[in-house]
């Protein structure tokens, strides 16, 4: 992954301080949404069931069925590719475990188990943050179906990880994904520690008794977290669920926003360079994060009160339901869209910025 250092002298002078803070926030915030479970599973192919009934009429029916045009992502109207929107900017953030992780071979180094779409309406200034569940079962390409968290891994195999994933998420959400950021998380703890930690305020106590080999707990009220504890808080899911974890990831993003907005990074270039050098080898993006356009407009929303950013998590309480798909190794747990189509998910993405 390549990361280019900015030319600070080329930044607009009036917005230089905000500009650096915003760029650091985007990089740091998205690096905190570490959602990859250490017990994750790899992608699975869908097993095709064969009709073994020997009756002549069913054999004839099978011949006609096989001659029908097979439905693929290209001819399925549910997966129509949307067009770019001049008044809207949509950023896809993917969190992957990373190939340098100790258990990468067992857990799927390139599975994007964290998927968040940050959207900004250029006319109204409204901003949203939507978490997409990793178990959502969708068309990937052609006739292939799989969990959505396999998209980036498959895109890498097709020599276009970001482009492939952006296009697929655009088809699924009905909004055109303009840019994407992909991060692994080897530098998670160091980034948080370089920031001096973050503050998370809880309405009630939180505990994870199963996942870490000991009981990780946080009391109600304000908790100051170093890198390791922030990592545990963002990744814990055994005592709750993936949906609860997605809400915590969004909470961590806002906590990082609060911290970066209070830091004058220009006055401490050593700390700034330390943070940037930490993440420079762990980020892939097609976004020029030093452009002052949509990124600065987005920052104005993040710099205001939290309630101005609409936060939404797709769960079984709103847009998806649980199911199992038969594969060669057994039953695969998946989430399917309500109505068995993407209409409700697409409508949510249209309505959330209204």
Protein backbone atom coordinates (compact mmCIF):
# COMPACT_ATOMS: atom_id res chain seq x y z
CA UNK A 1 0.00 0.00 0.00
CA UNK A 2 1.28 3.46 -0.84
CA UNK A 3 0.86 6.61 1.15
CA UNK A 4 2.02 10.00 -0.14
CA UNK A 5 3.10 12.71 2.27
CA UNK A 6 1.27 16.01 1.75
CA UNK A 7 2.89 19.23 0.63
CA UNK A 8 1.86 21.46 3.53
CA UNK A 9 2.98 24.57 1.65
CA UNK A 10 0.32 23.99 -0.98
CA UNK A 11 -2.59 23.95 1.49
CA UNK A 12 -4.96 26.95 1.51
CA UNK A 13 -3.63 29.23 4.26
CA UNK A 14 -6.96 30.14 5.91
CA UNK A 15 -7.93 26.50 6.39
CA UNK A 16 -4.52 25.00 7.08
CA UNK A 17 -5.08 24.12 10.73
CA UNK A 18 -8.54 22.64 10.12
CA UNK A 19 -7.23 20.96 6.98
CA UNK A 20 -4.53 19.00 8.78
CA UNK A 21 -6.83 18.12 11.64
CA UNK A 22 -9.50 16.82 9.27
CA UNK A 23 -7.08 14.76 7.23
CA UNK A 24 -5.65 13.24 10.39
CA UNK A 25 -9.16 12.59 11.69
CA UNK A 26 -10.23 10.71 8.56
CA UNK A 27 -7.12 8.56 8.62
CA UNK A 28 -7.19 7.92 12.34
CA UNK A 29 -10.91 7.48 12.74
CA UNK A 30 -11.29 4.87 10.08
CA UNK A 31 -8.27 3.03 11.41
CA UNK A 32 -10.12 2.53 14.68
CA UNK A 33 -13.07 0.58 13.39
CA UNK A 34 -11.35 -2.71 13.93
CA UNK A 35 -14.20 -5.14 13.39
CA UNK A 36 -12.38 -8.29 12.23
CA UNK A 37 -13.00 -11.12 14.66
CA UNK A 38 -9.99 -13.26 15.52
CA UNK A 39 -12.24 -16.20 14.88
CA UNK A 40 -13.47 -15.07 11.45
CA UNK A 41 -13.98 -17.49 8.61
CA UNK A 42 -12.98 -17.35 4.98
CA UNK A 43 -15.18 -17.04 1.95
CA UNK A 44 -17.29 -20.00 0.88
CA UNK A 45 -18.56 -21.02 -2.49
CA UNK A 46 -22.27 -21.80 -2.72
CA UNK A 47 -23.03 -25.43 -3.33
CA UNK A 48 -25.30 -26.03 -6.32
CA UNK A 49 -27.99 -28.60 -5.62
CA UNK A 50 -28.51 -31.21 -8.35
CA UNK A 51 -31.90 -32.67 -9.13
CA UNK A 52 -31.43 -36.45 -8.90
CA UNK A 53 -35.06 -37.42 -9.49
CA UNK A 54 -35.21 -39.92 -12.35
CA UNK A 55 -38.71 -39.29 -13.72
CA UNK A 56 -38.83 -38.48 -17.42
CA UNK A 57 -40.93 -35.36 -16.98
CA UNK A 58 -38.61 -33.87 -14.42
CA UNK A 59 -35.64 -34.64 -16.67
CA UNK A 60 -37.39 -32.81 -19.49
CA UNK A 61 -38.15 -29.89 -17.17
CA UNK A 62 -34.50 -29.74 -16.19
CA UNK A 63 -33.49 -29.45 -19.84
CA UNK A 64 -35.77 -26.46 -20.36
CA UNK A 65 -34.66 -24.90 -17.09
CA UNK A 66 -31.00 -25.23 -18.05
CA UNK A 67 -31.70 -23.52 -21.36
CA UNK A 68 -33.11 -20.43 -19.64
CA UNK A 69 -30.89 -17.40 -19.35
CA UNK A 70 -29.07 -17.60 -16.05
CA UNK A 71 -29.47 -14.64 -13.75
CA UNK A 72 -26.22 -12.85 -12.95
CA UNK A 73 -25.28 -9.63 -11.24
CA UNK A 74 -25.15 -7.97 -14.65
CA UNK A 75 -28.74 -8.79 -15.65
CA UNK A 76 -30.36 -8.77 -12.20
CA UNK A 77 -32.40 -5.53 -11.91
CA UNK A 78 -31.86 -5.62 -8.14
CA UNK A 79 -28.15 -4.92 -8.76
CA UNK A 80 -28.37 -2.06 -11.25
CA UNK A 81 -25.30 0.16 -11.16
CA UNK A 82 -26.26 3.70 -10.00
CA UNK A 83 -24.91 6.85 -11.61
CA UNK A 84 -22.71 9.44 -9.85
CA UNK A 85 -24.53 12.25 -8.05
CA UNK A 86 -23.09 15.76 -8.23
CA UNK A 87 -24.65 16.82 -4.93
CA UNK A 88 -23.63 13.77 -2.91
CA UNK A 89 -20.28 12.32 -1.82
CA UNK A 90 -20.03 8.74 -0.51
CA UNK A 91 -16.93 7.24 1.09
CA UNK A 92 -16.56 3.50 1.73
CA UNK A 93 -14.37 2.48 4.67
CA UNK A 94 -13.19 -1.13 4.82
CA UNK A 95 -11.37 -2.66 7.78
CA UNK A 96 -9.33 -5.79 7.09
CA UNK A 97 -7.26 -7.91 9.44
CA UNK A 98 -4.08 -7.63 7.39
CA UNK A 99 -1.57 -10.16 6.11
CA UNK A 100 0.96 -9.45 8.86
CA UNK A 101 -1.45 -10.60 11.58
CA UNK A 102 -0.23 -13.65 13.52
CA UNK A 103 -3.33 -15.70 12.72
CA UNK A 104 -4.02 -14.22 9.28
CA UNK A 105 -4.06 -17.64 7.59
CA UNK A 106 -6.82 -18.90 9.88
CA UNK A 107 -8.94 -15.76 10.07
CA UNK A 108 -8.90 -14.40 6.54
CA UNK A 109 -6.38 -11.57 6.16
CA UNK A 110 -8.27 -9.78 3.37
CA UNK A 111 -11.86 -10.24 4.54
CA UNK A 112 -13.36 -6.80 5.12
CA UNK A 113 -15.31 -7.55 8.26
CA UNK A 114 -15.88 -3.86 8.91
CA UNK A 115 -17.78 -1.87 6.30
CA UNK A 116 -18.94 1.69 6.91
CA UNK A 117 -20.28 4.15 4.36
CA UNK A 118 -19.91 7.84 5.19
CA UNK A 119 -22.21 10.03 3.08
CA UNK A 120 -22.33 13.79 2.69
CA UNK A 121 -25.03 15.92 1.05
CA UNK A 122 -23.24 18.91 -0.48
CA UNK A 123 -26.40 21.02 -0.63
CA UNK A 124 -27.82 20.49 2.85
CA UNK A 125 -24.57 19.71 4.65
CA UNK A 126 -26.10 16.59 6.21
CA UNK A 127 -23.81 13.65 6.99
CA UNK A 128 -24.50 9.99 7.75
CA UNK A 129 -22.54 6.94 8.84
CA UNK A 130 -23.98 3.49 8.01
CA UNK A 131 -22.51 0.15 9.11
CA UNK A 132 -23.11 -2.80 6.79
CA UNK A 133 -23.07 -6.30 8.35
CA UNK A 134 -20.28 -8.57 7.17
CA UNK A 135 -22.64 -11.59 6.89
CA UNK A 136 -24.95 -10.01 4.31
CA UNK A 137 -25.29 -12.61 1.54
CA UNK A 138 -25.30 -11.06 -1.93
CA UNK A 139 -24.35 -11.52 -5.54
CA UNK A 140 -20.61 -10.91 -5.92
CA UNK A 141 -20.00 -11.28 -9.67
CA UNK A 142 -21.61 -13.27 -12.44
CA UNK A 143 -23.64 -16.07 -10.84
CA UNK A 144 -21.45 -16.19 -7.72
CA UNK A 145 -23.03 -15.40 -4.36
CA UNK A 146 -21.20 -15.02 -1.07
CA UNK A 147 -20.96 -12.97 2.08
CA UNK A 148 -20.28 -9.34 1.39
CA UNK A 149 -17.08 -9.38 3.45
CA UNK A 150 -15.41 -11.47 0.73
CA UNK A 151 -15.73 -8.70 -1.87
CA UNK A 152 -12.36 -7.02 -1.32
CA UNK A 153 -10.54 -10.36 -1.16
CA UNK A 154 -12.14 -11.41 -4.46
CA UNK A 155 -11.38 -7.99 -5.93
CA UNK A 156 -7.70 -8.42 -5.04
CA UNK A 157 -7.65 -11.75 -6.88
CA UNK A 158 -9.14 -9.92 -9.87
CA UNK A 159 -6.38 -7.27 -9.64
CA UNK A 160 -8.75 -4.47 -8.59
CA UNK A 161 -9.58 -4.64 -4.91
CA UNK A 162 -10.87 -1.11 -4.36
CA UNK A 163 -12.55 -0.69 -7.73
CA UNK A 164 -14.31 -4.05 -7.57
CA UNK A 165 -15.57 -3.46 -4.02
CA UNK A 166 -16.75 0.09 -4.72
CA UNK A 167 -18.76 -1.11 -7.71
CA UNK A 168 -20.35 -3.98 -5.78
CA UNK A 169 -21.31 -1.77 -2.81
CA UNK A 170 -22.74 0.77 -5.24
CA UNK A 171 -24.97 -1.92 -6.77
CA UNK A 172 -26.12 -3.09 -3.33
CA UNK A 173 -26.80 0.30 -1.73
CA UNK A 174 -28.13 2.11 -4.80
CA UNK A 175 -25.74 5.01 -4.24
CA UNK A 176 -22.59 5.65 -6.23
CA UNK A 177 -19.52 5.10 -4.04
CA UNK A 178 -17.10 7.88 -4.99
CA UNK A 179 -14.06 6.83 -2.97
CA UNK A 180 -12.82 4.10 -0.64
CA UNK A 181 -10.28 3.62 2.12
CA UNK A 182 -8.95 0.18 3.09
CA UNK A 183 -6.97 -0.27 6.28
CA UNK A 184 -5.40 -3.12 8.16
CA UNK A 185 -4.99 -2.81 11.88
CA UNK A 186 -1.43 -3.66 12.84
CA UNK A 187 -0.88 -0.04 13.85
CA UNK A 188 -4.12 0.34 15.83
CA UNK A 189 -2.68 0.46 19.33
CA UNK A 190 0.24 2.71 18.41
CA UNK A 191 -2.02 5.29 16.74
CA UNK A 192 -4.26 5.51 19.80
CA UNK A 193 -1.27 5.76 22.09
CA UNK A 194 0.29 8.47 19.89
CA UNK A 195 -2.95 10.43 20.28
CA UNK A 196 -2.72 10.07 24.03
CA UNK A 197 -5.71 7.76 24.17
CA UNK A 198 -9.41 8.44 23.61
CA UNK A 199 -12.40 8.98 25.89
CA UNK A 200 -15.50 6.78 25.65
CA UNK A 201 -18.59 7.66 27.69
CA UNK A 202 -20.97 4.79 28.50
CA UNK A 203 -24.54 4.98 29.76
CA UNK A 204 -24.15 1.55 31.36
CA UNK A 205 -21.25 -0.81 32.15
CA UNK A 206 -19.75 -2.94 29.37
CA UNK A 207 -18.02 -6.29 29.74
CA UNK A 208 -16.62 -9.03 27.50
CA UNK A 209 -16.02 -12.24 29.46
CA UNK A 210 -15.22 -14.74 26.70
CA UNK A 211 -13.11 -13.23 23.94
CA UNK A 212 -9.86 -12.07 25.52
CA UNK A 213 -8.91 -14.75 28.02
CA UNK A 214 -10.01 -12.56 30.91
CA UNK A 215 -12.96 -10.32 31.68
CA UNK A 216 -12.58 -6.99 29.90
CA UNK A 217 -14.88 -4.44 31.48
CA UNK A 218 -15.63 -0.72 31.44
CA UNK A 219 -17.80 1.06 34.02
CA UNK A 220 -20.58 3.50 33.22
CA UNK A 221 -19.37 7.05 32.75
CA UNK A 222 -16.27 8.37 30.99
CA UNK A 223 -13.46 5.90 30.34
CA UNK A 224 -10.02 6.92 29.09
CA UNK A 225 -8.71 4.13 26.84
CA UNK A 226 -5.18 3.46 25.66
CA UNK A 227 -4.54 1.65 22.40
CA UNK A 228 -4.94 -1.88 23.71
CA UNK A 229 -8.16 -1.21 25.60
CA UNK A 230 -9.62 0.77 22.70
CA UNK A 231 -8.86 -2.24 20.52
CA UNK A 232 -10.66 -4.59 22.92
CA UNK A 233 -13.67 -2.28 23.10
CA UNK A 234 -13.93 -1.98 19.32
CA UNK A 235 -13.50 -5.71 18.64
CA UNK A 236 -15.50 -7.32 21.47
CA UNK A 237 -18.52 -9.25 20.24
CA UNK A 238 -18.80 -12.60 22.01
CA UNK A 239 -20.84 -11.21 24.91
CA UNK A 240 -23.01 -9.12 22.57
CA UNK A 241 -23.26 -9.29 18.76
CA UNK A 242 -21.81 -8.01 15.51
CA UNK A 243 -24.54 -5.37 15.47
CA UNK A 244 -23.60 -4.06 18.92
CA UNK A 245 -19.96 -4.08 17.87
CA UNK A 246 -20.80 -1.94 14.83
CA UNK A 247 -22.41 0.63 17.13
CA UNK A 248 -19.28 0.64 19.30
CA UNK A 249 -17.10 1.15 16.24
CA UNK A 250 -19.10 4.23 15.32
CA UNK A 251 -18.78 5.46 18.90
CA UNK A 252 -15.00 5.06 18.69
CA UNK A 253 -14.91 7.05 15.44
CA UNK A 254 -16.69 9.92 17.11
CA UNK A 255 -14.34 9.69 20.10
CA UNK A 256 -11.35 9.98 17.77
CA UNK A 257 -13.02 12.95 16.12
CA UNK A 258 -13.34 14.62 19.51
CA UNK A 259 -9.69 13.95 20.31
CA UNK A 260 -8.24 15.08 17.00
CA UNK A 261 -10.31 18.25 17.01
CA UNK A 262 -8.78 19.20 20.37
CA UNK A 263 -5.20 18.64 19.16
CA UNK A 264 -3.18 21.29 17.37
CA UNK A 265 -1.28 18.88 15.18
CA UNK A 266 0.60 21.67 13.42
CA UNK A 267 2.15 22.71 16.71
CA UNK A 268 3.52 19.20 17.25
CA UNK A 269 4.98 18.07 13.90
CA UNK A 270 6.85 15.19 15.54
CA UNK A 271 3.61 13.65 16.79
CA UNK A 272 1.91 14.32 13.45
CA UNK A 273 4.70 12.63 11.47
CA UNK A 274 4.77 9.74 13.93
CA UNK A 275 1.07 9.10 13.38
CA UNK A 276 1.31 9.43 9.61
CA UNK A 277 4.36 7.18 9.41
CA UNK A 278 2.57 4.57 11.49
CA UNK A 279 -0.32 4.29 9.07
CA UNK A 280 1.41 5.09 5.78
CA UNK A 281 2.05 1.43 4.99
CA UNK A 282 -1.35 0.26 6.21
CA UNK A 283 -3.74 2.28 4.07
CA UNK A 284 -4.94 1.87 0.50
CA UNK A 285 -7.19 4.49 -1.03
CA UNK A 286 -8.23 6.08 -4.30
CA UNK A 287 -9.06 9.27 -2.40
CA UNK A 288 -6.75 12.26 -2.41
CA UNK A 289 -7.22 12.93 1.27
CA UNK A 290 -5.42 16.25 1.03
CA UNK A 291 -7.96 17.79 -1.33
CA UNK A 292 -9.84 20.61 0.36
CA UNK A 293 -13.22 20.04 -1.33
CA UNK A 294 -15.66 17.43 -0.06
CA UNK A 295 -13.33 16.38 2.74
CA UNK A 296 -13.32 19.83 4.34
CA UNK A 297 -17.08 20.16 3.96
CA UNK A 298 -17.49 16.78 5.63
CA UNK A 299 -15.23 17.89 8.47
CA UNK A 300 -17.54 20.78 9.32
CA UNK A 301 -20.25 18.27 10.15
CA UNK A 302 -17.94 16.07 12.21
CA UNK A 303 -16.62 19.07 14.11
CA UNK A 304 -20.12 19.94 15.35
CA UNK A 305 -22.29 18.02 17.81
CA UNK A 306 -22.53 14.25 17.44
CA UNK A 307 -26.25 14.38 16.77
CA UNK A 308 -25.59 16.11 13.44
CA UNK A 309 -24.11 12.89 12.08
CA UNK A 310 -26.87 10.36 11.51
CA UNK A 311 -25.59 6.97 12.61
CA UNK A 312 -27.27 3.77 11.43
CA UNK A 313 -26.49 0.07 11.75
CA UNK A 314 -28.17 -2.44 9.45
CA UNK A 315 -29.45 -5.22 11.73
CA UNK A 316 -32.10 -7.93 12.06
CA UNK A 317 -34.27 -5.31 13.77
CA UNK A 318 -34.61 -3.28 10.59
CA UNK A 319 -33.42 -4.43 7.16
CA UNK A 320 -32.11 -8.03 7.27
CA UNK A 321 -33.02 -11.46 8.66
CA UNK A 322 -31.00 -14.53 9.66
CA UNK A 323 -30.79 -17.66 7.53
CA UNK A 324 -28.47 -20.54 6.57
CA UNK A 325 -27.11 -21.53 3.17
CA UNK A 326 -26.11 -25.13 2.46
CA UNK A 327 -22.47 -25.37 1.33
CA UNK A 328 -20.03 -28.23 0.92
CA UNK A 329 -18.84 -28.02 4.54
CA UNK A 330 -22.25 -27.59 6.14
CA UNK A 331 -24.65 -24.74 6.82
CA UNK A 332 -23.33 -21.21 6.39
CA UNK A 333 -24.85 -18.54 8.64
CA UNK A 334 -25.91 -15.54 6.57
CA UNK A 335 -28.04 -12.42 6.66
CA UNK A 336 -30.53 -11.86 3.86
CA UNK A 337 -32.30 -8.60 2.98
CA UNK A 338 -35.93 -8.26 4.01
CA UNK A 339 -38.21 -9.06 1.10
CA UNK A 340 -35.33 -11.01 -0.44
CA UNK A 341 -34.38 -7.97 -2.48
CA UNK A 342 -32.36 -4.80 -1.95
CA UNK A 343 -35.20 -2.29 -2.25
CA UNK A 344 -35.45 -1.47 1.46
CA UNK A 345 -31.68 -1.11 1.87
CA UNK A 346 -31.49 1.20 -1.14
CA UNK A 347 -34.40 3.28 0.14
CA UNK A 348 -32.69 3.69 3.51
CA UNK A 349 -29.58 5.11 1.83
CA UNK A 350 -31.77 7.56 -0.08
CA UNK A 351 -33.74 8.64 3.00
CA UNK A 352 -30.94 8.94 5.54
CA UNK A 353 -29.69 12.30 4.28
CA UNK A 354 -33.16 13.87 4.04
